[in-house]
Amino acid sequence: MTITAKSQERITLDVQEIGEVETFNYLGPTICKEGGGMKDLKNRLSKARGAFDKLKRIWKSKSISKRTKLRLFKTLVVPILLYGCETWKMNKGDDKRNDVFHSKFLRRILKIEWKDQVTNRELLEETGMKPLSKEVKWQYFKARQTATLQ
């Protein structure tokens, strides 16, 4: 795959021409011709959802404190979602998708039902967390700073 290549020449190795693909997975993230974003975000959301579901017994446990459950969520689920996020092209819809995922699973952990009418802002204040969309922007900023320092 060539991404934003100025040259349209085919790449050959010895005498064999290397074929082009629209997308491929590399070390977890989905790389696509458009340069990242929606396909990888869907992939990461799916993987994070799977990780959350595997920890179902922990979320339902009454003997584990809310604080411990939130720490486990931050260390075991959120990094799976955010892996490679500094390469994503984000728009408002993608930001919302991340924030919906975040608040949905925080509500499950805290056993907050829709009829309780707790706003997302109140939820984030109670958990001491920031919206995931801000975390993605922070990761992108950190990656850019690191790249310019090298």
C-alpha atoms as a PDB file:
ATOM      1  CA  MET A   1       0.000   0.000   0.000  1.00  0.00           C
ATOM      2  CA  THR A   2       1.177   3.487  -0.717  1.00  0.00           C
ATOM      3  CA  ILE A   3      -0.315   6.273   1.323  1.00  0.00           C
ATOM      4  CA  THR A   4      -0.408   9.771  -0.168  1.00  0.00           C
ATOM      5  CA  ALA A   5       2.385   8.801  -2.538  1.00  0.00           C
ATOM      6  CA  LYS A   6       3.297  11.414  -5.128  1.00  0.00           C
ATOM      7  CA  SER A   7       4.570   8.749  -7.506  1.00  0.00           C
ATOM      8  CA  GLN A   8       2.152   6.231  -9.008  1.00  0.00           C
ATOM      9  CA  GLU A   9       4.939   3.810  -9.924  1.00  0.00           C
ATOM     10  CA  ARG A  10       4.438   0.158  -9.029  1.00  0.00           C
ATOM     11  CA  ILE A  11       6.843  -1.299  -6.505  1.00  0.00           C
ATOM     12  CA  THR A  12       8.757  -4.400  -7.591  1.00  0.00           C
ATOM     13  CA  LEU A  13      10.912  -6.749  -5.554  1.00  0.00           C
ATOM     14  CA  ASP A  14      13.404  -8.541  -7.800  1.00  0.00           C
ATOM     15  CA  VAL A  15      11.110  -9.108 -10.779  1.00  0.00           C
ATOM     16  CA  GLN A  16       7.832  -9.617  -8.902  1.00  0.00           C
ATOM     17  CA  GLU A  17       5.423  -6.699  -8.660  1.00  0.00           C
ATOM     18  CA  ILE A  18       4.002  -6.098  -5.201  1.00  0.00           C
ATOM     19  CA  GLY A  19       0.224  -5.815  -5.168  1.00  0.00           C
ATOM     20  CA  GLU A  20      -1.748  -3.004  -3.572  1.00  0.00           C
ATOM     21  CA  VAL A  21      -4.415  -3.380  -0.902  1.00  0.00           C
ATOM     22  CA  GLU A  22      -6.988  -0.955   0.487  1.00  0.00           C
ATOM     23  CA  THR A  23      -6.470  -1.890   4.160  1.00  0.00           C
ATOM     24  CA  PHE A  24      -4.285  -4.111   6.334  1.00  0.00           C
ATOM     25  CA  ASN A  25      -3.612  -4.709  10.021  1.00  0.00           C
ATOM     26  CA  TYR A  26      -0.174  -3.811  11.312  1.00  0.00           C
ATOM     27  CA  LEU A  27       0.633  -4.531  14.974  1.00  0.00           C
ATOM     28  CA  GLY A  28      -3.044  -4.212  15.888  1.00  0.00           C
ATOM     29  CA  PRO A  29      -4.252  -1.017  14.185  1.00  0.00           C
ATOM     30  CA  THR A  30      -6.021  -1.127  10.843  1.00  0.00           C
ATOM     31  CA  ILE A  31      -4.105   0.889   8.281  1.00  0.00           C
ATOM     32  CA  CYS A  32      -6.123   2.150   5.322  1.00  0.00           C
ATOM     33  CA  LYS A  33      -5.385   4.081   2.164  1.00  0.00           C
ATOM     34  CA  GLU A  34      -7.218   7.167   3.427  1.00  0.00           C
ATOM     35  CA  GLY A  35      -4.737   7.441   6.280  1.00  0.00           C
ATOM     36  CA  GLY A  36      -6.490   6.042   9.360  1.00  0.00           C
ATOM     37  CA  GLY A  37      -9.571   6.885  11.287  1.00  0.00           C
ATOM     38  CA  MET A  38     -12.963   5.263  10.978  1.00  0.00           C
ATOM     39  CA  LYS A  39     -11.953   1.666  10.167  1.00  0.00           C
ATOM     40  CA  ASP A  40      -9.344   1.554  12.897  1.00  0.00           C
ATOM     41  CA  LEU A  41     -11.677   3.252  15.374  1.00  0.00           C
ATOM     42  CA  LYS A  42     -14.354   0.592  14.761  1.00  0.00           C
ATOM     43  CA  ASN A  43     -11.715  -2.114  15.170  1.00  0.00           C
ATOM     44  CA  ARG A  44     -10.430  -0.626  18.450  1.00  0.00           C
ATOM     45  CA  LEU A  45     -13.975  -0.113  19.820  1.00  0.00           C
ATOM     46  CA  SER A  46     -14.741  -3.747  19.103  1.00  0.00           C
ATOM     47  CA  LYS A  47     -11.586  -4.955  20.842  1.00  0.00           C
ATOM     48  CA  ALA A  48     -12.173  -2.729  23.869  1.00  0.00           C
ATOM     49  CA  ARG A  49     -15.789  -3.927  24.094  1.00  0.00           C
ATOM     50  CA  GLY A  50     -14.522  -7.529  24.057  1.00  0.00           C
ATOM     51  CA  ALA A  51     -12.034  -6.790  26.837  1.00  0.00           C
ATOM     52  CA  PHE A  52     -14.775  -5.142  28.891  1.00  0.00           C
ATOM     53  CA  ASP A  53     -17.059  -8.151  28.436  1.00  0.00           C
ATOM     54  CA  LYS A  54     -14.320 -10.562  29.555  1.00  0.00           C
ATOM     55  CA  LEU A  55     -14.155  -8.674  32.865  1.00  0.00           C
ATOM     56  CA  LYS A  56     -17.910  -8.975  33.456  1.00  0.00           C
ATOM     57  CA  ARG A  57     -17.470 -10.824  36.765  1.00  0.00           C
ATOM     58  CA  ILE A  58     -15.352  -7.968  38.109  1.00  0.00           C
ATOM     59  CA  TRP A  59     -17.880  -5.291  37.110  1.00  0.00           C
ATOM     60  CA  LYS A  60     -20.708  -7.241  38.760  1.00  0.00           C
ATOM     61  CA  SER A  61     -18.763  -8.042  41.929  1.00  0.00           C
ATOM     62  CA  LYS A  62     -20.014  -6.425  45.118  1.00  0.00           C
ATOM     63  CA  SER A  63     -16.774  -7.127  46.984  1.00  0.00           C
ATOM     64  CA  ILE A  64     -14.644  -4.949  44.668  1.00  0.00           C
ATOM     65  CA  SER A  65     -14.768  -1.219  45.341  1.00  0.00           C
ATOM     66  CA  LYS A  66     -15.894   1.364  42.793  1.00  0.00           C
ATOM     67  CA  ARG A  67     -12.422   2.916  42.896  1.00  0.00           C
ATOM     68  CA  THR A  68     -10.740  -0.391  42.038  1.00  0.00           C
ATOM     69  CA  LYS A  69     -13.208  -1.075  39.209  1.00  0.00           C
ATOM     70  CA  LEU A  70     -12.507   2.353  37.708  1.00  0.00           C
ATOM     71  CA  ARG A  71      -8.751   1.812  37.959  1.00  0.00           C
ATOM     72  CA  LEU A  72      -9.124  -1.558  36.225  1.00  0.00           C
ATOM     73  CA  PHE A  73     -11.218   0.046  33.488  1.00  0.00           C
ATOM     74  CA  LYS A  74      -8.591   2.788  32.985  1.00  0.00           C
ATOM     75  CA  THR A  75      -5.706   0.307  32.848  1.00  0.00           C
ATOM     76  CA  LEU A  76      -7.241  -2.711  31.093  1.00  0.00           C
ATOM     77  CA  VAL A  77      -9.921  -1.414  28.719  1.00  0.00           C
ATOM     78  CA  VAL A  78      -9.155   2.210  27.791  1.00  0.00           C
ATOM     79  CA  PRO A  79      -5.596   1.483  26.524  1.00  0.00           C
ATOM     80  CA  ILE A  80      -6.976  -1.156  24.145  1.00  0.00           C
ATOM     81  CA  LEU A  81      -9.259   1.465  22.637  1.00  0.00           C
ATOM     82  CA  LEU A  82      -6.624   4.197  22.474  1.00  0.00           C
ATOM     83  CA  TYR A  83      -3.792   2.084  21.055  1.00  0.00           C
ATOM     84  CA  GLY A  84      -2.578   3.867  17.942  1.00  0.00           C
ATOM     85  CA  CYS A  85      -5.074   6.727  18.330  1.00  0.00           C
ATOM     86  CA  GLU A  86      -2.431   9.329  17.525  1.00  0.00           C
ATOM     87  CA  THR A  87      -2.709   8.282  13.875  1.00  0.00           C
ATOM     88  CA  TRP A  88      -6.488   8.688  13.634  1.00  0.00           C
ATOM     89  CA  LYS A  89      -8.145  11.429  11.612  1.00  0.00           C
ATOM     90  CA  MET A  90     -10.879  12.369  14.063  1.00  0.00           C
ATOM     91  CA  ASN A  91     -14.057  14.297  13.390  1.00  0.00           C
ATOM     92  CA  LYS A  92     -16.912  15.263  15.702  1.00  0.00           C
ATOM     93  CA  GLY A  93     -18.776  12.026  14.993  1.00  0.00           C
ATOM     94  CA  ASP A  94     -15.728   9.962  15.948  1.00  0.00           C
ATOM     95  CA  ASP A  95     -15.262  12.024  19.111  1.00  0.00           C
ATOM     96  CA  LYS A  96     -18.877  11.363  20.014  1.00  0.00           C
ATOM     97  CA  ARG A  97     -18.521   7.640  19.304  1.00  0.00           C
ATOM     98  CA  ASN A  98     -15.566   7.463  21.730  1.00  0.00           C
ATOM     99  CA  ASP A  99     -17.385   9.452  24.405  1.00  0.00           C
ATOM    100  CA  VAL A 100     -20.547   7.328  24.058  1.00  0.00           C
ATOM    101  CA  PHE A 101     -18.479   4.161  24.493  1.00  0.00           C
ATOM    102  CA  HIS A 102     -16.802   5.666  27.547  1.00  0.00           C
ATOM    103  CA  SER A 103     -19.953   6.837  29.301  1.00  0.00           C
ATOM    104  CA  LYS A 104     -21.883   3.657  28.426  1.00  0.00           C
ATOM    105  CA  PHE A 105     -19.320   1.420  30.090  1.00  0.00           C
ATOM    106  CA  LEU A 106     -18.776   3.738  33.057  1.00  0.00           C
ATOM    107  CA  ARG A 107     -22.526   3.561  33.660  1.00  0.00           C
ATOM    108  CA  ARG A 108     -22.372  -0.233  33.547  1.00  0.00           C
ATOM    109  CA  ILE A 109     -19.526  -0.299  36.065  1.00  0.00           C
ATOM    110  CA  LEU A 110     -21.319   2.087  38.423  1.00  0.00           C
ATOM    111  CA  LYS A 111     -24.705   0.404  37.846  1.00  0.00           C
ATOM    112  CA  ILE A 112     -26.326   3.662  36.726  1.00  0.00           C
ATOM    113  CA  GLU A 113     -29.524   3.066  34.766  1.00  0.00           C
ATOM    114  CA  TRP A 114     -31.022   5.411  32.178  1.00  0.00           C
ATOM    115  CA  LYS A 115     -33.929   6.213  34.484  1.00  0.00           C
ATOM    116  CA  ASP A 116     -31.493   7.624  37.072  1.00  0.00           C
ATOM    117  CA  GLN A 117     -31.033  10.647  34.776  1.00  0.00           C
ATOM    118  CA  VAL A 118     -27.336  11.173  35.450  1.00  0.00           C
ATOM    119  CA  THR A 119     -25.708  13.462  32.860  1.00  0.00           C
ATOM    120  CA  ASN A 120     -22.402  12.563  31.248  1.00  0.00           C
ATOM    121  CA  ARG A 121     -20.818  15.575  32.926  1.00  0.00           C
ATOM    122  CA  GLU A 122     -21.970  14.339  36.355  1.00  0.00           C
ATOM    123  CA  LEU A 123     -20.729  10.856  35.492  1.00  0.00           C
ATOM    124  CA  LEU A 124     -17.266  12.131  34.575  1.00  0.00           C
ATOM    125  CA  GLU A 125     -17.102  14.294  37.710  1.00  0.00           C
ATOM    126  CA  GLU A 126     -18.054  11.324  39.891  1.00  0.00           C
ATOM    127  CA  THR A 127     -15.393   9.111  38.318  1.00  0.00           C
ATOM    128  CA  GLY A 128     -12.728  11.828  38.084  1.00  0.00           C
ATOM    129  CA  MET A 129     -12.201  11.125  34.394  1.00  0.00           C
ATOM    130  CA  LYS A 130     -12.049  13.256  31.255  1.00  0.00           C
ATOM    131  CA  PRO A 131     -13.940  12.522  28.032  1.00  0.00           C
ATOM    132  CA  LEU A 132     -12.081  10.017  25.833  1.00  0.00           C
ATOM    133  CA  SER A 133     -12.195  12.475  22.927  1.00  0.00           C
ATOM    134  CA  LYS A 134      -9.917  14.784  24.917  1.00  0.00           C
ATOM    135  CA  GLU A 135      -7.571  11.888  25.661  1.00  0.00           C
ATOM    136  CA  VAL A 136      -7.289  11.090  21.942  1.00  0.00           C
ATOM    137  CA  LYS A 137      -6.396  14.726  21.227  1.00  0.00           C
ATOM    138  CA  TRP A 138      -3.830  14.672  24.040  1.00  0.00           C
ATOM    139  CA  GLN A 139      -2.217  11.497  22.645  1.00  0.00           C
ATOM    140  CA  TYR A 140      -2.031  13.101  19.200  1.00  0.00           C
ATOM    141  CA  PHE A 141      -0.446  16.233  20.686  1.00  0.00           C
ATOM    142  CA  LYS A 142       2.128  14.184  22.640  1.00  0.00           C
ATOM    143  CA  ALA A 143       3.046  12.200  19.517  1.00  0.00           C
ATOM    144  CA  ARG A 144       3.521  15.415  17.518  1.00  0.00           C
ATOM    145  CA  GLN A 145       5.687  16.942  20.258  1.00  0.00           C
ATOM    146  CA  THR A 146       7.861  13.809  20.412  1.00  0.00           C
ATOM    147  CA  ALA A 147       8.251  13.777  16.629  1.00  0.00           C
ATOM    148  CA  THR A 148       9.349  17.431  16.511  1.00  0.00           C
ATOM    149  CA  LEU A 149      11.866  16.964  19.336  1.00  0.00           C
ATOM    150  CA  GLN A 150      13.650  14.122  17.556  1.00  0.00           C
END
